[in-house]
């Protein structure tokens, strides 16, 4: 049996996010992306930053006949050693361009559909800055809602 489409989606998302480099025109270079073995942001060394932590969150399901319609929440934590908002905003823009346009200069918004054929919509529902700055590294959270259709046995 093949892996679930969610695992494939996360793998494709990580691959997409790995393209965020200054050489590709994004204005920021992501050094590490963690999706399986996720460390605490405070434990990341400066040479690993900026980094993105990909966190699988809740999934709300509605059954329609033999098909599940879901709204899956994914959280991306953007970690950097920069302390200014302008850098973090540039980092957020780079992530948005990578996911929705797959290009730093493109003007399209539907490139997320190439991450999985099950996905019919995706939205960024929140960008939350770490205003407390409790940890040594700067952290922004990006919450994405992934809307999809799947079979009962493949999600």
C-alpha atoms as a PDB file:
ATOM      1  CA  UNK A   1       0.000   0.000   0.000  1.00  0.00           C
ATOM      2  CA  UNK A   2       1.337   3.433  -0.845  1.00  0.00           C
ATOM      3  CA  UNK A   3       1.999   6.129   1.698  1.00  0.00           C
ATOM      4  CA  UNK A   4      -0.831   8.439   2.510  1.00  0.00           C
ATOM      5  CA  UNK A   5      -1.286  11.536   0.424  1.00  0.00           C
ATOM      6  CA  UNK A   6      -0.526  13.630   3.528  1.00  0.00           C
ATOM      7  CA  UNK A   7       2.960  12.187   3.815  1.00  0.00           C
ATOM      8  CA  UNK A   8       3.489  12.891   0.123  1.00  0.00           C
ATOM      9  CA  UNK A   9       2.135  16.422   0.590  1.00  0.00           C
ATOM     10  CA  UNK A  10       4.569  17.125   3.458  1.00  0.00           C
ATOM     11  CA  UNK A  11       7.486  15.709   1.445  1.00  0.00           C
ATOM     12  CA  UNK A  12       6.557  17.878  -1.547  1.00  0.00           C
ATOM     13  CA  UNK A  13       6.117  20.910   0.709  1.00  0.00           C
ATOM     14  CA  UNK A  14       9.585  20.389   2.212  1.00  0.00           C
ATOM     15  CA  UNK A  15      11.061  20.099  -1.283  1.00  0.00           C
ATOM     16  CA  UNK A  16       9.307  23.312  -2.298  1.00  0.00           C
ATOM     17  CA  UNK A  17      10.519  25.156   0.807  1.00  0.00           C
ATOM     18  CA  UNK A  18      14.090  23.995   0.138  1.00  0.00           C
ATOM     19  CA  UNK A  19      14.039  26.195  -2.980  1.00  0.00           C
ATOM     20  CA  UNK A  20      13.980  29.316  -0.776  1.00  0.00           C
ATOM     21  CA  UNK A  21      17.470  30.638  -1.389  1.00  0.00           C
ATOM     22  CA  UNK A  22      18.955  33.977  -2.278  1.00  0.00           C
ATOM     23  CA  UNK A  23      20.381  32.346  -5.414  1.00  0.00           C
ATOM     24  CA  UNK A  24      16.799  31.557  -6.511  1.00  0.00           C
ATOM     25  CA  UNK A  25      15.760  35.182  -5.938  1.00  0.00           C
ATOM     26  CA  UNK A  26      13.885  34.872  -2.631  1.00  0.00           C
ATOM     27  CA  UNK A  27      16.065  37.308  -0.649  1.00  0.00           C
ATOM     28  CA  UNK A  28      16.589  34.803   2.171  1.00  0.00           C
ATOM     29  CA  UNK A  29      18.244  31.378   2.298  1.00  0.00           C
ATOM     30  CA  UNK A  30      16.616  28.672   4.408  1.00  0.00           C
ATOM     31  CA  UNK A  31      19.347  26.442   5.818  1.00  0.00           C
ATOM     32  CA  UNK A  32      17.300  23.692   7.471  1.00  0.00           C
ATOM     33  CA  UNK A  33      13.764  22.324   7.236  1.00  0.00           C
ATOM     34  CA  UNK A  34      12.544  19.910   9.877  1.00  0.00           C
ATOM     35  CA  UNK A  35       9.451  17.784   9.292  1.00  0.00           C
ATOM     36  CA  UNK A  36      10.053  14.471  11.062  1.00  0.00           C
ATOM     37  CA  UNK A  37      12.557  14.869  13.862  1.00  0.00           C
ATOM     38  CA  UNK A  38      11.625  18.369  15.021  1.00  0.00           C
ATOM     39  CA  UNK A  39      13.900  20.044  17.568  1.00  0.00           C
ATOM     40  CA  UNK A  40      12.927  22.791  19.985  1.00  0.00           C
ATOM     41  CA  UNK A  41      13.556  26.158  18.339  1.00  0.00           C
ATOM     42  CA  UNK A  42      15.764  27.200  21.248  1.00  0.00           C
ATOM     43  CA  UNK A  43      18.055  24.226  20.561  1.00  0.00           C
ATOM     44  CA  UNK A  44      18.894  25.289  16.998  1.00  0.00           C
ATOM     45  CA  UNK A  45      22.408  26.546  16.430  1.00  0.00           C
ATOM     46  CA  UNK A  46      23.021  29.816  14.559  1.00  0.00           C
ATOM     47  CA  UNK A  47      24.582  27.969  11.605  1.00  0.00           C
ATOM     48  CA  UNK A  48      21.253  26.106  11.123  1.00  0.00           C
ATOM     49  CA  UNK A  49      19.261  29.336  10.814  1.00  0.00           C
ATOM     50  CA  UNK A  50      17.061  30.437   9.264  1.00  0.00           C
ATOM     51  CA  UNK A  51      15.077  27.237   9.599  1.00  0.00           C
ATOM     52  CA  UNK A  52      11.493  26.075   9.118  1.00  0.00           C
ATOM     53  CA  UNK A  53       9.744  23.570  11.374  1.00  0.00           C
ATOM     54  CA  UNK A  54       6.793  21.814   9.686  1.00  0.00           C
ATOM     55  CA  UNK A  55       4.170  20.708  12.214  1.00  0.00           C
ATOM     56  CA  UNK A  56       1.152  18.554  11.409  1.00  0.00           C
ATOM     57  CA  UNK A  57      -1.872  19.745  13.366  1.00  0.00           C
ATOM     58  CA  UNK A  58      -5.583  19.024  13.598  1.00  0.00           C
ATOM     59  CA  UNK A  59      -7.672  17.648  10.775  1.00  0.00           C
ATOM     60  CA  UNK A  60     -11.419  18.250  10.593  1.00  0.00           C
ATOM     61  CA  UNK A  61     -13.271  15.689   8.512  1.00  0.00           C
ATOM     62  CA  UNK A  62     -16.684  15.628   6.891  1.00  0.00           C
ATOM     63  CA  UNK A  63     -17.851  12.474   5.146  1.00  0.00           C
ATOM     64  CA  UNK A  64     -19.685  12.920   1.854  1.00  0.00           C
ATOM     65  CA  UNK A  65     -20.796   9.507   0.568  1.00  0.00           C
ATOM     66  CA  UNK A  66     -17.538   7.533   0.142  1.00  0.00           C
ATOM     67  CA  UNK A  67     -15.291  10.606   0.108  1.00  0.00           C
ATOM     68  CA  UNK A  68     -13.810  12.529   3.012  1.00  0.00           C
ATOM     69  CA  UNK A  69     -13.647  16.268   2.747  1.00  0.00           C
ATOM     70  CA  UNK A  70     -11.140  17.644   5.169  1.00  0.00           C
ATOM     71  CA  UNK A  71      -9.620  20.821   6.464  1.00  0.00           C
ATOM     72  CA  UNK A  72      -6.139  20.020   7.690  1.00  0.00           C
ATOM     73  CA  UNK A  73      -4.132  22.518   9.660  1.00  0.00           C
ATOM     74  CA  UNK A  74      -0.378  22.747   9.133  1.00  0.00           C
ATOM     75  CA  UNK A  75       1.843  25.048  11.135  1.00  0.00           C
ATOM     76  CA  UNK A  76       5.153  26.339   9.866  1.00  0.00           C
ATOM     77  CA  UNK A  77       7.456  27.826  12.478  1.00  0.00           C
ATOM     78  CA  UNK A  78       9.983  30.186  10.948  1.00  0.00           C
ATOM     79  CA  UNK A  79      13.072  30.472  13.128  1.00  0.00           C
ATOM     80  CA  UNK A  80      15.835  33.016  12.586  1.00  0.00           C
ATOM     81  CA  UNK A  81      18.569  34.685  14.570  1.00  0.00           C
ATOM     82  CA  UNK A  82      17.596  38.097  13.202  1.00  0.00           C
ATOM     83  CA  UNK A  83      15.854  40.350  15.692  1.00  0.00           C
ATOM     84  CA  UNK A  84      14.124  42.755  13.338  1.00  0.00           C
ATOM     85  CA  UNK A  85      10.640  42.540  11.913  1.00  0.00           C
ATOM     86  CA  UNK A  86      11.653  43.537   8.390  1.00  0.00           C
ATOM     87  CA  UNK A  87      13.804  40.405   8.040  1.00  0.00           C
ATOM     88  CA  UNK A  88      11.068  38.180   9.439  1.00  0.00           C
ATOM     89  CA  UNK A  89       8.507  39.768   7.098  1.00  0.00           C
ATOM     90  CA  UNK A  90      10.841  39.046   4.167  1.00  0.00           C
ATOM     91  CA  UNK A  91      11.074  35.447   5.415  1.00  0.00           C
ATOM     92  CA  UNK A  92       7.253  35.173   5.565  1.00  0.00           C
ATOM     93  CA  UNK A  93       6.923  36.599   2.031  1.00  0.00           C
ATOM     94  CA  UNK A  94       9.478  34.088   0.740  1.00  0.00           C
ATOM     95  CA  UNK A  95       7.512  31.184   2.244  1.00  0.00           C
ATOM     96  CA  UNK A  96       4.233  32.501   0.796  1.00  0.00           C
ATOM     97  CA  UNK A  97       5.776  32.936  -2.670  1.00  0.00           C
ATOM     98  CA  UNK A  98       7.301  29.456  -2.517  1.00  0.00           C
ATOM     99  CA  UNK A  99       4.030  27.752  -1.568  1.00  0.00           C
ATOM    100  CA  UNK A 100       1.534  29.732  -3.632  1.00  0.00           C
ATOM    101  CA  UNK A 101       3.609  30.737  -6.689  1.00  0.00           C
ATOM    102  CA  UNK A 102       6.624  28.355  -6.635  1.00  0.00           C
ATOM    103  CA  UNK A 103       8.659  31.296  -7.842  1.00  0.00           C
ATOM    104  CA  UNK A 104       9.920  34.507  -6.179  1.00  0.00           C
ATOM    105  CA  UNK A 105       8.575  36.741  -8.959  1.00  0.00           C
ATOM    106  CA  UNK A 106       5.495  34.933 -10.295  1.00  0.00           C
ATOM    107  CA  UNK A 107       2.071  36.450  -9.767  1.00  0.00           C
ATOM    108  CA  UNK A 108       0.043  33.234  -9.566  1.00  0.00           C
ATOM    109  CA  UNK A 109      -1.620  31.898  -6.413  1.00  0.00           C
ATOM    110  CA  UNK A 110      -2.409  28.245  -7.157  1.00  0.00           C
ATOM    111  CA  UNK A 111       0.978  26.488  -7.292  1.00  0.00           C
ATOM    112  CA  UNK A 112       0.036  24.729  -4.038  1.00  0.00           C
ATOM    113  CA  UNK A 113      -2.157  22.380  -6.116  1.00  0.00           C
ATOM    114  CA  UNK A 114       0.985  20.695  -7.451  1.00  0.00           C
ATOM    115  CA  UNK A 115       1.821  19.531  -3.912  1.00  0.00           C
ATOM    116  CA  UNK A 116      -1.008  16.956  -4.054  1.00  0.00           C
ATOM    117  CA  UNK A 117      -3.871  16.135  -6.391  1.00  0.00           C
ATOM    118  CA  UNK A 118      -6.114  15.798  -3.298  1.00  0.00           C
ATOM    119  CA  UNK A 119      -5.785  19.484  -2.409  1.00  0.00           C
ATOM    120  CA  UNK A 120      -8.328  21.866  -3.903  1.00  0.00           C
ATOM    121  CA  UNK A 121      -7.638  24.935  -1.752  1.00  0.00           C
ATOM    122  CA  UNK A 122      -5.033  26.206   0.662  1.00  0.00           C
ATOM    123  CA  UNK A 123      -4.956  29.385   2.682  1.00  0.00           C
ATOM    124  CA  UNK A 124      -2.727  31.060   5.199  1.00  0.00           C
ATOM    125  CA  UNK A 125      -5.073  31.761   8.086  1.00  0.00           C
ATOM    126  CA  UNK A 126      -2.591  33.465  10.431  1.00  0.00           C
ATOM    127  CA  UNK A 127       0.926  34.802  10.776  1.00  0.00           C
ATOM    128  CA  UNK A 128       1.816  35.135  14.434  1.00  0.00           C
ATOM    129  CA  UNK A 129       5.021  36.900  15.505  1.00  0.00           C
ATOM    130  CA  UNK A 130       6.775  35.899  18.696  1.00  0.00           C
ATOM    131  CA  UNK A 131       6.281  39.177  20.510  1.00  0.00           C
ATOM    132  CA  UNK A 132       7.513  37.756  23.810  1.00  0.00           C
ATOM    133  CA  UNK A 133      10.848  36.672  22.349  1.00  0.00           C
ATOM    134  CA  UNK A 134      11.338  34.269  25.247  1.00  0.00           C
ATOM    135  CA  UNK A 135      13.653  32.066  23.222  1.00  0.00           C
ATOM    136  CA  UNK A 136      17.048  33.164  21.984  1.00  0.00           C
ATOM    137  CA  UNK A 137      15.920  32.792  18.360  1.00  0.00           C
ATOM    138  CA  UNK A 138      13.192  34.810  16.663  1.00  0.00           C
ATOM    139  CA  UNK A 139      10.106  32.729  15.846  1.00  0.00           C
ATOM    140  CA  UNK A 140       7.107  33.418  13.597  1.00  0.00           C
ATOM    141  CA  UNK A 141       4.226  30.948  13.247  1.00  0.00           C
ATOM    142  CA  UNK A 142       2.335  30.564   9.988  1.00  0.00           C
ATOM    143  CA  UNK A 143      -0.934  28.626  10.131  1.00  0.00           C
ATOM    144  CA  UNK A 144      -2.163  27.082   6.883  1.00  0.00           C
ATOM    145  CA  UNK A 145      -5.489  25.404   6.210  1.00  0.00           C
ATOM    146  CA  UNK A 146      -5.329  22.719   3.533  1.00  0.00           C
ATOM    147  CA  UNK A 147      -8.718  21.790   2.036  1.00  0.00           C
ATOM    148  CA  UNK A 148      -8.803  18.363   0.424  1.00  0.00           C
ATOM    149  CA  UNK A 149     -10.802  15.356  -0.750  1.00  0.00           C
ATOM    150  CA  UNK A 150      -9.664  11.783   0.003  1.00  0.00           C
ATOM    151  CA  UNK A 151     -10.925   8.242   0.238  1.00  0.00           C
ATOM    152  CA  UNK A 152     -11.675   6.862   3.693  1.00  0.00           C
ATOM    153  CA  UNK A 153      -8.567   4.669   3.618  1.00  0.00           C
ATOM    154  CA  UNK A 154      -6.057   7.178   2.205  1.00  0.00           C
ATOM    155  CA  UNK A 155      -5.637  10.218   4.370  1.00  0.00           C
END
